[in-house]
Amino acid sequence: MIRPYRPADLPALYDICVRTGQEGGDARPFYDDHDLLGTLFAAPYARLEPELTFVMDDGQGNAVGYVLGTADTATFVKRFRGEWLPEVADRYPAPATLEPTTPHEIMVDLLHRPERMLVPELTSYPAHLHIDLLPGYQGAGHGRALMEAFLAALAAAGVASVHLGMVTANVRARHFYDRMGFHEIAVADPGPLTYLGRATS
């Protein structure tokens, strides 16, 4: 079932994030610190906008998937820098190298540059999201249910449109987003990502 996030779910969010963080597959072999991806892509949303965090519950109280995000990316970036980054910067200090190369260095570099989320071509899609499900719960309609809960919450808050950035190589995820009505947004320098957007209703 889909339910609102509870603070007790936070360890599960970290776990789900790393177990789906390598183009949809398990990223644990790539990172010694298994909390790093969750520190970037899951926990700050649950902390700063818990009302937009929903989990897939396995029926025994355990979160096995989530959707989370922000209603306004520009505001979120300010809060990420002012409220979230000070909480985690001691554990993840800014990389000393100018050109991060290892997966760990690359993600810590992203952590210290939240303004990277401010992409000019996305300003008409102010909200953004992340969605992940453990492999055993994929392909059964749970992703759609999570997405519908998130979109409904945004629409109820008066937010008209939402975007996401997905690793272009994750073809399976792209098929899911296409089925959910997302369309590609042209971005001048997307790097390894493809940006997608849609109306919330």
C-alpha atoms as a PDB file:
ATOM      1  CA  MET A   1       0.000   0.000   0.000  1.00  0.00           C
ATOM      2  CA  ILE A   2       1.031   3.610  -0.509  1.00  0.00           C
ATOM      3  CA  ARG A   3       1.198   5.724   2.632  1.00  0.00           C
ATOM      4  CA  PRO A   4       2.749   8.978   3.852  1.00  0.00           C
ATOM      5  CA  TYR A   5       6.352   8.903   5.004  1.00  0.00           C
ATOM      6  CA  ARG A   6       7.131   8.448   8.685  1.00  0.00           C
ATOM      7  CA  PRO A   7      10.476   9.429  10.269  1.00  0.00           C
ATOM      8  CA  ALA A   8      11.047   5.763  11.151  1.00  0.00           C
ATOM      9  CA  ASP A   9      11.226   5.068   7.400  1.00  0.00           C
ATOM     10  CA  LEU A  10      14.432   7.071   6.952  1.00  0.00           C
ATOM     11  CA  PRO A  11      16.882   4.112   7.180  1.00  0.00           C
ATOM     12  CA  ALA A  12      14.812   2.290   4.556  1.00  0.00           C
ATOM     13  CA  LEU A  13      14.987   5.321   2.259  1.00  0.00           C
ATOM     14  CA  TYR A  14      18.791   5.263   2.437  1.00  0.00           C
ATOM     15  CA  ASP A  15      18.785   1.523   1.726  1.00  0.00           C
ATOM     16  CA  ILE A  16      16.375   1.716  -1.208  1.00  0.00           C
ATOM     17  CA  CYS A  17      18.317   4.600  -2.710  1.00  0.00           C
ATOM     18  CA  VAL A  18      21.662   2.775  -2.799  1.00  0.00           C
ATOM     19  CA  ARG A  19      20.119  -0.546  -3.887  1.00  0.00           C
ATOM     20  CA  THR A  20      18.590   1.154  -6.942  1.00  0.00           C
ATOM     21  CA  GLY A  21      21.251   3.805  -7.527  1.00  0.00           C
ATOM     22  CA  GLN A  22      23.287   2.315 -10.386  1.00  0.00           C
ATOM     23  CA  GLU A  23      21.083   2.842 -13.451  1.00  0.00           C
ATOM     24  CA  GLY A  24      18.270   1.222 -11.478  1.00  0.00           C
ATOM     25  CA  GLY A  25      20.484  -1.550 -10.091  1.00  0.00           C
ATOM     26  CA  ASP A  26      22.480  -2.072  -6.907  1.00  0.00           C
ATOM     27  CA  ALA A  27      25.063   0.659  -6.350  1.00  0.00           C
ATOM     28  CA  ARG A  28      26.559  -0.803  -3.168  1.00  0.00           C
ATOM     29  CA  PRO A  29      29.586  -2.307  -4.971  1.00  0.00           C
ATOM     30  CA  PHE A  30      30.506   1.184  -6.223  1.00  0.00           C
ATOM     31  CA  TYR A  31      30.420   3.030  -2.871  1.00  0.00           C
ATOM     32  CA  ASP A  32      32.118   2.190   0.398  1.00  0.00           C
ATOM     33  CA  ASP A  33      29.701   4.553   2.159  1.00  0.00           C
ATOM     34  CA  HIS A  34      26.227   3.206   1.430  1.00  0.00           C
ATOM     35  CA  ASP A  35      24.534   6.316   2.854  1.00  0.00           C
ATOM     36  CA  LEU A  36      26.057   8.716   0.327  1.00  0.00           C
ATOM     37  CA  LEU A  37      23.435   8.400  -2.416  1.00  0.00           C
ATOM     38  CA  GLY A  38      20.602   8.695   0.078  1.00  0.00           C
ATOM     39  CA  THR A  39      22.213  11.819   1.509  1.00  0.00           C
ATOM     40  CA  LEU A  40      21.917  13.385  -1.944  1.00  0.00           C
ATOM     41  CA  PHE A  41      18.742  11.996  -3.432  1.00  0.00           C
ATOM     42  CA  ALA A  42      16.414  10.865  -0.641  1.00  0.00           C
ATOM     43  CA  ALA A  43      16.977  12.090   2.916  1.00  0.00           C
ATOM     44  CA  PRO A  44      16.982  15.858   2.233  1.00  0.00           C
ATOM     45  CA  TYR A  45      13.538  15.644   0.656  1.00  0.00           C
ATOM     46  CA  ALA A  46      12.114  13.593   3.506  1.00  0.00           C
ATOM     47  CA  ARG A  47      13.603  16.051   5.975  1.00  0.00           C
ATOM     48  CA  LEU A  48      12.666  19.298   4.225  1.00  0.00           C
ATOM     49  CA  GLU A  49       9.355  18.365   2.546  1.00  0.00           C
ATOM     50  CA  PRO A  50       7.969  15.282   4.305  1.00  0.00           C
ATOM     51  CA  GLU A  51       4.470  16.121   3.089  1.00  0.00           C
ATOM     52  CA  LEU A  52       5.663  15.235  -0.427  1.00  0.00           C
ATOM     53  CA  THR A  53       7.284  11.946   0.578  1.00  0.00           C
ATOM     54  CA  PHE A  54       5.315   8.738   0.074  1.00  0.00           C
ATOM     55  CA  VAL A  55       6.385   5.135   0.565  1.00  0.00           C
ATOM     56  CA  MET A  56       5.308   1.757  -0.697  1.00  0.00           C
ATOM     57  CA  ASP A  57       4.636  -0.342   2.420  1.00  0.00           C
ATOM     58  CA  ASP A  58       5.069  -4.116   2.203  1.00  0.00           C
ATOM     59  CA  GLY A  59       2.101  -4.606   4.527  1.00  0.00           C
ATOM     60  CA  GLN A  60       4.286  -5.118   7.587  1.00  0.00           C
ATOM     61  CA  GLY A  61       5.274  -1.501   8.072  1.00  0.00           C
ATOM     62  CA  ASN A  62       8.432  -1.665   5.952  1.00  0.00           C
ATOM     63  CA  ALA A  63       9.108   0.825   3.178  1.00  0.00           C
ATOM     64  CA  VAL A  64      10.156  -0.983  -0.012  1.00  0.00           C
ATOM     65  CA  GLY A  65       9.858   1.978  -2.376  1.00  0.00           C
ATOM     66  CA  TYR A  66       9.360   5.709  -2.318  1.00  0.00           C
ATOM     67  CA  VAL A  67       8.556   8.803  -4.276  1.00  0.00           C
ATOM     68  CA  LEU A  68       9.744  12.150  -2.956  1.00  0.00           C
ATOM     69  CA  GLY A  69      10.582  15.577  -4.186  1.00  0.00           C
ATOM     70  CA  THR A  70       9.911  19.261  -3.877  1.00  0.00           C
ATOM     71  CA  ALA A  71       7.125  21.580  -4.935  1.00  0.00           C
ATOM     72  CA  ASP A  72       9.596  24.324  -5.856  1.00  0.00           C
ATOM     73  CA  THR A  73      13.136  23.526  -6.930  1.00  0.00           C
ATOM     74  CA  ALA A  74      14.508  27.059  -6.409  1.00  0.00           C
ATOM     75  CA  THR A  75      13.315  27.159  -2.798  1.00  0.00           C
ATOM     76  CA  PHE A  76      14.545  23.622  -2.197  1.00  0.00           C
ATOM     77  CA  VAL A  77      18.036  24.512  -3.426  1.00  0.00           C
ATOM     78  CA  LYS A  78      18.227  27.366  -0.927  1.00  0.00           C
ATOM     79  CA  ARG A  79      17.065  25.126   1.913  1.00  0.00           C
ATOM     80  CA  PHE A  80      19.427  22.333   0.831  1.00  0.00           C
ATOM     81  CA  ARG A  81      22.380  24.706   1.096  1.00  0.00           C
ATOM     82  CA  GLY A  82      21.223  26.491   4.228  1.00  0.00           C
ATOM     83  CA  GLU A  83      19.680  23.640   6.233  1.00  0.00           C
ATOM     84  CA  TRP A  84      20.718  20.239   4.861  1.00  0.00           C
ATOM     85  CA  LEU A  85      24.326  20.723   3.769  1.00  0.00           C
ATOM     86  CA  PRO A  86      25.477  21.968   7.197  1.00  0.00           C
ATOM     87  CA  GLU A  87      24.136  18.732   8.720  1.00  0.00           C
ATOM     88  CA  VAL A  88      26.181  16.465   6.458  1.00  0.00           C
ATOM     89  CA  ALA A  89      29.244  18.487   5.405  1.00  0.00           C
ATOM     90  CA  ASP A  90      31.392  17.181   8.261  1.00  0.00           C
ATOM     91  CA  ARG A  91      30.799  13.608   7.126  1.00  0.00           C
ATOM     92  CA  TYR A  92      31.186  14.532   3.451  1.00  0.00           C
ATOM     93  CA  PRO A  93      33.642  17.443   3.130  1.00  0.00           C
ATOM     94  CA  ALA A  94      34.001  19.090  -0.259  1.00  0.00           C
ATOM     95  CA  PRO A  95      36.446  17.198  -2.511  1.00  0.00           C
ATOM     96  CA  ALA A  96      39.994  18.503  -2.460  1.00  0.00           C
ATOM     97  CA  THR A  97      40.504  17.671  -6.136  1.00  0.00           C
ATOM     98  CA  LEU A  98      39.324  20.056  -8.837  1.00  0.00           C
ATOM     99  CA  GLU A  99      38.202  17.178 -11.058  1.00  0.00           C
ATOM    100  CA  PRO A 100      36.454  14.445  -9.056  1.00  0.00           C
ATOM    101  CA  THR A 101      36.998  11.037 -10.637  1.00  0.00           C
ATOM    102  CA  THR A 102      35.793   8.251  -8.361  1.00  0.00           C
ATOM    103  CA  PRO A 103      32.045   7.628  -7.884  1.00  0.00           C
ATOM    104  CA  HIS A 104      32.380   8.807  -4.278  1.00  0.00           C
ATOM    105  CA  GLU A 105      34.136  12.040  -5.270  1.00  0.00           C
ATOM    106  CA  ILE A 106      31.615  12.748  -8.016  1.00  0.00           C
ATOM    107  CA  MET A 107      28.642  12.374  -5.672  1.00  0.00           C
ATOM    108  CA  VAL A 108      30.235  14.471  -2.907  1.00  0.00           C
ATOM    109  CA  ASP A 109      30.945  17.146  -5.485  1.00  0.00           C
ATOM    110  CA  LEU A 110      27.245  17.111  -6.456  1.00  0.00           C
ATOM    111  CA  LEU A 111      26.300  17.320  -2.784  1.00  0.00           C
ATOM    112  CA  HIS A 112      28.214  20.576  -2.427  1.00  0.00           C
ATOM    113  CA  ARG A 113      26.712  22.075  -5.601  1.00  0.00           C
ATOM    114  CA  PRO A 114      22.934  22.043  -5.067  1.00  0.00           C
ATOM    115  CA  GLU A 115      22.611  24.973  -7.486  1.00  0.00           C
ATOM    116  CA  ARG A 116      23.225  22.432 -10.285  1.00  0.00           C
ATOM    117  CA  MET A 117      19.486  21.685  -9.919  1.00  0.00           C
ATOM    118  CA  LEU A 118      18.650  25.157 -11.260  1.00  0.00           C
ATOM    119  CA  VAL A 119      18.483  24.409 -14.976  1.00  0.00           C
ATOM    120  CA  PRO A 120      17.077  27.352 -16.979  1.00  0.00           C
ATOM    121  CA  GLU A 121      15.120  25.143 -19.368  1.00  0.00           C
ATOM    122  CA  LEU A 122      13.199  23.644 -16.425  1.00  0.00           C
ATOM    123  CA  THR A 123      11.848  26.834 -14.862  1.00  0.00           C
ATOM    124  CA  SER A 124       8.334  26.175 -16.161  1.00  0.00           C
ATOM    125  CA  TYR A 125       8.426  22.801 -14.368  1.00  0.00           C
ATOM    126  CA  PRO A 126       9.097  24.058 -10.815  1.00  0.00           C
ATOM    127  CA  ALA A 127       8.618  20.793  -8.942  1.00  0.00           C
ATOM    128  CA  HIS A 128      10.900  17.767  -9.266  1.00  0.00           C
ATOM    129  CA  LEU A 129      10.909  14.209  -7.979  1.00  0.00           C
ATOM    130  CA  HIS A 130      12.824  10.987  -7.381  1.00  0.00           C
ATOM    131  CA  ILE A 131      11.149   7.573  -7.380  1.00  0.00           C
ATOM    132  CA  ASP A 132      12.680   4.183  -6.533  1.00  0.00           C
ATOM    133  CA  LEU A 133      11.355   0.690  -5.842  1.00  0.00           C
ATOM    134  CA  LEU A 134      13.264  -2.370  -4.692  1.00  0.00           C
ATOM    135  CA  PRO A 135      13.549  -4.936  -7.515  1.00  0.00           C
ATOM    136  CA  GLY A 136      11.100  -7.410  -5.997  1.00  0.00           C
ATOM    137  CA  TYR A 137       8.350  -4.793  -6.077  1.00  0.00           C
ATOM    138  CA  GLN A 138       8.885  -3.467  -9.591  1.00  0.00           C
ATOM    139  CA  GLY A 139       6.562  -4.193 -12.482  1.00  0.00           C
ATOM    140  CA  ALA A 140       3.451  -4.693 -10.351  1.00  0.00           C
ATOM    141  CA  GLY A 141       1.885  -1.238 -10.576  1.00  0.00           C
ATOM    142  CA  HIS A 142       3.463   0.099  -7.388  1.00  0.00           C
ATOM    143  CA  GLY A 143       5.514   2.692  -9.261  1.00  0.00           C
ATOM    144  CA  ARG A 144       2.399   4.038 -10.927  1.00  0.00           C
ATOM    145  CA  ALA A 145       0.596   4.199  -7.584  1.00  0.00           C
ATOM    146  CA  LEU A 146       3.501   6.088  -6.006  1.00  0.00           C
ATOM    147  CA  MET A 147       3.667   8.517  -8.913  1.00  0.00           C
ATOM    148  CA  GLU A 148      -0.083   9.138  -8.829  1.00  0.00           C
ATOM    149  CA  ALA A 149       0.070   9.901  -5.095  1.00  0.00           C
ATOM    150  CA  PHE A 150       2.884  12.399  -5.629  1.00  0.00           C
ATOM    151  CA  LEU A 151       1.250  14.093  -8.611  1.00  0.00           C
ATOM    152  CA  ALA A 152      -2.036  14.392  -6.739  1.00  0.00           C
ATOM    153  CA  ALA A 153      -0.277  16.029  -3.773  1.00  0.00           C
ATOM    154  CA  LEU A 154       1.409  18.536  -6.078  1.00  0.00           C
ATOM    155  CA  ALA A 155      -1.841  19.308  -7.868  1.00  0.00           C
ATOM    156  CA  ALA A 156      -3.626  19.804  -4.543  1.00  0.00           C
ATOM    157  CA  ALA A 157      -0.898  22.279  -3.562  1.00  0.00           C
ATOM    158  CA  GLY A 158      -1.457  24.249  -6.756  1.00  0.00           C
ATOM    159  CA  VAL A 159       1.732  23.122  -8.502  1.00  0.00           C
ATOM    160  CA  ALA A 160       1.035  22.752 -12.219  1.00  0.00           C
ATOM    161  CA  SER A 161       4.064  20.854 -13.531  1.00  0.00           C
ATOM    162  CA  VAL A 162       6.984  18.682 -12.469  1.00  0.00           C
ATOM    163  CA  HIS A 163      10.277  17.466 -13.911  1.00  0.00           C
ATOM    164  CA  LEU A 164      12.843  14.783 -13.211  1.00  0.00           C
ATOM    165  CA  GLY A 165      16.339  13.973 -14.352  1.00  0.00           C
ATOM    166  CA  MET A 166      17.084  10.342 -15.171  1.00  0.00           C
ATOM    167  CA  VAL A 167      20.317   8.640 -16.178  1.00  0.00           C
ATOM    168  CA  THR A 168      19.933   8.295 -19.928  1.00  0.00           C
ATOM    169  CA  ALA A 169      21.302   4.739 -19.879  1.00  0.00           C
ATOM    170  CA  ASN A 170      18.442   3.569 -17.651  1.00  0.00           C
ATOM    171  CA  VAL A 171      16.202   2.467 -20.521  1.00  0.00           C
ATOM    172  CA  ARG A 172      13.766   0.598 -18.302  1.00  0.00           C
ATOM    173  CA  ALA A 173      13.060   3.714 -16.261  1.00  0.00           C
ATOM    174  CA  ARG A 174      12.491   5.712 -19.443  1.00  0.00           C
ATOM    175  CA  HIS A 175       9.809   3.254 -20.546  1.00  0.00           C
ATOM    176  CA  PHE A 176       8.060   3.720 -17.185  1.00  0.00           C
ATOM    177  CA  TYR A 177       8.151   7.512 -17.424  1.00  0.00           C
ATOM    178  CA  ASP A 178       6.861   7.405 -20.991  1.00  0.00           C
ATOM    179  CA  ARG A 179       3.903   5.322 -19.827  1.00  0.00           C
ATOM    180  CA  MET A 180       3.290   7.854 -17.049  1.00  0.00           C
ATOM    181  CA  GLY A 181       2.916  10.661 -19.570  1.00  0.00           C
ATOM    182  CA  PHE A 182       6.299  12.357 -19.231  1.00  0.00           C
ATOM    183  CA  HIS A 183       7.900  14.000 -22.261  1.00  0.00           C
ATOM    184  CA  GLU A 184      11.513  14.946 -22.927  1.00  0.00           C
ATOM    185  CA  ILE A 185      12.626  18.507 -22.190  1.00  0.00           C
ATOM    186  CA  ALA A 186      15.476  19.814 -24.323  1.00  0.00           C
ATOM    187  CA  VAL A 187      18.381  21.016 -22.157  1.00  0.00           C
ATOM    188  CA  ALA A 188      21.494  22.580 -23.654  1.00  0.00           C
ATOM    189  CA  ASP A 189      24.035  20.586 -21.635  1.00  0.00           C
ATOM    190  CA  PRO A 190      22.310  17.630 -19.938  1.00  0.00           C
ATOM    191  CA  GLY A 191      25.442  15.585 -19.296  1.00  0.00           C
ATOM    192  CA  PRO A 192      24.570  11.938 -18.545  1.00  0.00           C
ATOM    193  CA  LEU A 193      20.939  12.823 -17.817  1.00  0.00           C
ATOM    194  CA  THR A 194      17.721  13.077 -19.766  1.00  0.00           C
ATOM    195  CA  TYR A 195      15.206  15.572 -18.402  1.00  0.00           C
ATOM    196  CA  LEU A 196      11.505  14.757 -18.528  1.00  0.00           C
ATOM    197  CA  GLY A 197       8.426  16.710 -17.501  1.00  0.00           C
ATOM    198  CA  ARG A 198       4.655  16.641 -17.377  1.00  0.00           C
ATOM    199  CA  ALA A 199       1.654  18.443 -15.952  1.00  0.00           C
ATOM    200  CA  THR A 200       0.593  17.304 -12.504  1.00  0.00           C
ATOM    201  CA  SER A 201      -2.987  16.697 -13.619  1.00  0.00           C
END
